[in-house]
Amino acid sequence: MSRHHDTHQDDHGLDSKARRKLADQRRMRFRRAIETYAEQRQLQQELSDYPELIAVNYLLSSQAVSRRNARPAH
């Protein structure tokens, strides 16, 4: 199921100030998504220059997860 739906149908009962506010919120969500995507691509590109960092980060994160999942001894 798609999360996107036509919000123009929902806007008919709103005054112009509320419609403008909703449009601004949608634009900001879209802008944040674009910025996040750009940041992730830049980070991925920077990490691809140092493949050994990817392996080290993977090992460190998997160790942290396994420590969190370990049950404490009684």
N, C-alpha and C. Protein backbone atom coordinates (compact mmCIF):
# COMPACT_ATOMS: atom_id res chain seq x y z
N MET A 1 0.85 -1.18 0.00
CA MET A 1 0.00 0.00 0.00
C MET A 1 0.89 1.24 0.00
N SER A 2 0.58 2.17 -0.82
CA SER A 2 1.37 3.39 -0.92
C SER A 2 1.02 4.35 0.21
N ARG A 3 2.06 4.99 0.76
CA ARG A 3 1.82 5.95 1.84
C ARG A 3 1.36 7.29 1.27
N HIS A 4 1.59 7.48 -0.01
CA HIS A 4 1.21 8.75 -0.64
C HIS A 4 -0.27 8.72 -1.00
N HIS A 5 -0.96 9.78 -0.70
CA HIS A 5 -2.33 9.91 -1.15
C HIS A 5 -2.57 11.34 -1.60
N ASP A 6 -3.61 11.55 -2.33
CA ASP A 6 -3.88 12.88 -2.87
C ASP A 6 -4.42 13.76 -1.75
N THR A 7 -3.59 14.69 -1.28
CA THR A 7 -3.99 15.53 -0.16
C THR A 7 -4.83 16.71 -0.63
N HIS A 8 -4.90 16.95 -1.93
CA HIS A 8 -5.72 18.05 -2.42
C HIS A 8 -7.19 17.82 -2.08
N GLN A 9 -7.61 16.59 -2.04
CA GLN A 9 -8.99 16.28 -1.67
C GLN A 9 -9.25 16.66 -0.22
N ASP A 10 -8.25 16.50 0.64
CA ASP A 10 -8.40 16.80 2.06
C ASP A 10 -8.41 18.31 2.33
N ASP A 11 -7.89 19.11 1.41
CA ASP A 11 -7.70 20.54 1.63
C ASP A 11 -8.95 21.37 1.35
N HIS A 12 -10.00 20.79 0.79
CA HIS A 12 -11.17 21.57 0.38
C HIS A 12 -11.85 22.26 1.55
N GLY A 13 -11.87 21.67 2.73
CA GLY A 13 -12.58 22.24 3.86
C GLY A 13 -11.76 23.22 4.66
N LEU A 14 -10.55 23.54 4.23
CA LEU A 14 -9.65 24.40 4.99
C LEU A 14 -9.62 25.81 4.42
N ASP A 15 -9.34 26.78 5.29
CA ASP A 15 -9.17 28.14 4.79
C ASP A 15 -7.79 28.30 4.16
N SER A 16 -7.54 29.42 3.54
CA SER A 16 -6.29 29.60 2.79
C SER A 16 -5.07 29.55 3.70
N LYS A 17 -5.18 30.04 4.91
CA LYS A 17 -4.03 30.02 5.83
C LYS A 17 -3.67 28.58 6.20
N ALA A 18 -4.67 27.75 6.46
CA ALA A 18 -4.43 26.35 6.80
C ALA A 18 -3.88 25.59 5.60
N ARG A 19 -4.41 25.87 4.39
CA ARG A 19 -3.89 25.22 3.19
C ARG A 19 -2.43 25.59 2.95
N ARG A 20 -2.11 26.86 3.15
CA ARG A 20 -0.74 27.33 2.98
C ARG A 20 0.19 26.65 3.99
N LYS A 21 -0.29 26.52 5.22
CA LYS A 21 0.51 25.86 6.26
C LYS A 21 0.76 24.39 5.90
N LEU A 22 -0.26 23.70 5.42
CA LEU A 22 -0.10 22.30 5.01
C LEU A 22 0.86 22.19 3.83
N ALA A 23 0.75 23.10 2.88
CA ALA A 23 1.65 23.08 1.73
C ALA A 23 3.09 23.32 2.18
N ASP A 24 3.29 24.24 3.12
CA ASP A 24 4.64 24.50 3.65
C ASP A 24 5.19 23.27 4.35
N GLN A 25 4.34 22.58 5.12
CA GLN A 25 4.78 21.37 5.81
C GLN A 25 5.18 20.29 4.82
N ARG A 26 4.39 20.13 3.75
CA ARG A 26 4.73 19.14 2.72
C ARG A 26 6.05 19.49 2.04
N ARG A 27 6.22 20.78 1.72
CA ARG A 27 7.48 21.21 1.09
C ARG A 27 8.67 20.95 2.00
N MET A 28 8.53 21.21 3.29
CA MET A 28 9.63 21.00 4.24
C MET A 28 9.95 19.51 4.37
N ARG A 29 8.93 18.65 4.40
CA ARG A 29 9.18 17.21 4.46
C ARG A 29 9.95 16.76 3.21
N PHE A 30 9.53 17.27 2.08
CA PHE A 30 10.19 16.92 0.82
C PHE A 30 11.63 17.42 0.83
N ARG A 31 11.84 18.65 1.28
CA ARG A 31 13.19 19.21 1.33
C ARG A 31 14.09 18.43 2.28
N ARG A 32 13.56 18.06 3.46
CA ARG A 32 14.34 17.26 4.41
C ARG A 32 14.70 15.91 3.81
N ALA A 33 13.77 15.31 3.09
CA ALA A 33 14.04 14.01 2.46
C ALA A 33 15.15 14.15 1.42
N ILE A 34 15.12 15.21 0.64
CA ILE A 34 16.17 15.44 -0.36
C ILE A 34 17.51 15.65 0.33
N GLU A 35 17.53 16.46 1.40
CA GLU A 35 18.78 16.72 2.12
C GLU A 35 19.32 15.44 2.74
N THR A 36 18.46 14.62 3.31
CA THR A 36 18.89 13.37 3.91
C THR A 36 19.48 12.45 2.85
N TYR A 37 18.81 12.38 1.71
CA TYR A 37 19.31 11.55 0.61
C TYR A 37 20.68 12.03 0.14
N ALA A 38 20.83 13.34 0.00
CA ALA A 38 22.11 13.90 -0.45
C ALA A 38 23.21 13.62 0.57
N GLU A 39 22.88 13.76 1.86
CA GLU A 39 23.88 13.48 2.90
C GLU A 39 24.28 12.01 2.90
N GLN A 40 23.32 11.12 2.72
CA GLN A 40 23.62 9.69 2.68
C GLN A 40 24.49 9.35 1.48
N ARG A 41 24.20 9.95 0.33
CA ARG A 41 25.02 9.70 -0.86
C ARG A 41 26.44 10.21 -0.67
N GLN A 42 26.57 11.38 -0.06
CA GLN A 42 27.91 11.95 0.17
C GLN A 42 28.69 11.06 1.14
N LEU A 43 28.05 10.62 2.20
CA LEU A 43 28.71 9.75 3.17
C LEU A 43 29.10 8.43 2.51
N GLN A 44 28.21 7.87 1.71
CA GLN A 44 28.51 6.62 1.01
C GLN A 44 29.71 6.80 0.08
N GLN A 45 29.76 7.93 -0.60
CA GLN A 45 30.88 8.20 -1.50
C GLN A 45 32.18 8.35 -0.72
N GLU A 46 32.12 9.04 0.42
CA GLU A 46 33.31 9.21 1.23
C GLU A 46 33.78 7.87 1.81
N LEU A 47 32.84 7.04 2.21
CA LEU A 47 33.21 5.74 2.77
C LEU A 47 33.77 4.81 1.70
N SER A 48 33.30 4.97 0.48
CA SER A 48 33.80 4.08 -0.58
C SER A 48 35.29 4.33 -0.85
N ASP A 49 35.78 5.51 -0.47
CA ASP A 49 37.21 5.79 -0.60
C ASP A 49 38.03 5.01 0.43
N TYR A 50 37.38 4.57 1.51
CA TYR A 50 38.06 3.85 2.60
C TYR A 50 37.28 2.59 2.94
N PRO A 51 37.37 1.54 2.13
CA PRO A 51 36.57 0.33 2.37
C PRO A 51 36.88 -0.33 3.71
N GLU A 52 38.09 -0.15 4.22
CA GLU A 52 38.42 -0.76 5.51
C GLU A 52 37.58 -0.15 6.64
N LEU A 53 37.16 1.12 6.50
CA LEU A 53 36.30 1.73 7.51
C LEU A 53 34.93 1.07 7.56
N ILE A 54 34.44 0.66 6.41
CA ILE A 54 33.15 -0.01 6.36
C ILE A 54 33.22 -1.31 7.16
N ALA A 55 34.29 -2.07 6.97
CA ALA A 55 34.44 -3.34 7.68
C ALA A 55 34.58 -3.10 9.19
N VAL A 56 35.36 -2.11 9.58
CA VAL A 56 35.55 -1.81 11.01
C VAL A 56 34.23 -1.37 11.64
N ASN A 57 33.50 -0.48 10.96
CA ASN A 57 32.21 -0.02 11.49
C ASN A 57 31.22 -1.17 11.62
N TYR A 58 31.22 -2.07 10.64
CA TYR A 58 30.33 -3.22 10.70
C TYR A 58 30.66 -4.09 11.90
N LEU A 59 31.95 -4.37 12.10
CA LEU A 59 32.35 -5.21 13.22
C LEU A 59 32.01 -4.56 14.55
N LEU A 60 32.28 -3.27 14.67
CA LEU A 60 31.98 -2.58 15.93
C LEU A 60 30.48 -2.55 16.21
N SER A 61 29.68 -2.29 15.19
CA SER A 61 28.24 -2.24 15.41
C SER A 61 27.68 -3.62 15.71
N SER A 62 28.20 -4.66 15.07
CA SER A 62 27.69 -6.01 15.36
C SER A 62 28.09 -6.44 16.77
N GLN A 63 29.25 -6.03 17.24
CA GLN A 63 29.66 -6.34 18.61
C GLN A 63 28.76 -5.62 19.61
N ALA A 64 28.42 -4.36 19.33
CA ALA A 64 27.56 -3.60 20.22
C ALA A 64 26.17 -4.22 20.29
N VAL A 65 25.67 -4.67 19.15
CA VAL A 65 24.34 -5.31 19.12
C VAL A 65 24.38 -6.61 19.90
N SER A 66 25.42 -7.41 19.72
CA SER A 66 25.48 -8.69 20.43
C SER A 66 25.61 -8.47 21.94
N ARG A 67 26.30 -7.41 22.36
CA ARG A 67 26.40 -7.12 23.80
C ARG A 67 25.05 -6.68 24.35
N ARG A 68 24.29 -5.90 23.56
CA ARG A 68 22.97 -5.47 24.01
C ARG A 68 22.00 -6.63 24.09
N ASN A 69 22.14 -7.59 23.20
CA ASN A 69 21.23 -8.73 23.17
C ASN A 69 21.61 -9.82 24.15
N ALA A 70 22.80 -9.77 24.69
CA ALA A 70 23.24 -10.79 25.65
C ALA A 70 22.44 -10.64 26.94
N ARG A 71 22.05 -11.79 27.48
CA ARG A 71 21.28 -11.78 28.74
C ARG A 71 22.24 -11.70 29.92
N PRO A 72 21.92 -10.87 30.89
CA PRO A 72 22.79 -10.78 32.06
C PRO A 72 22.72 -12.07 32.88
N ALA A 73 23.86 -12.45 33.46
CA ALA A 73 23.92 -13.66 34.29
C ALA A 73 23.26 -13.39 35.64
N HIS A 74 22.57 -14.40 36.15
CA HIS A 74 21.91 -14.24 37.46
C HIS A 74 22.70 -14.91 38.53
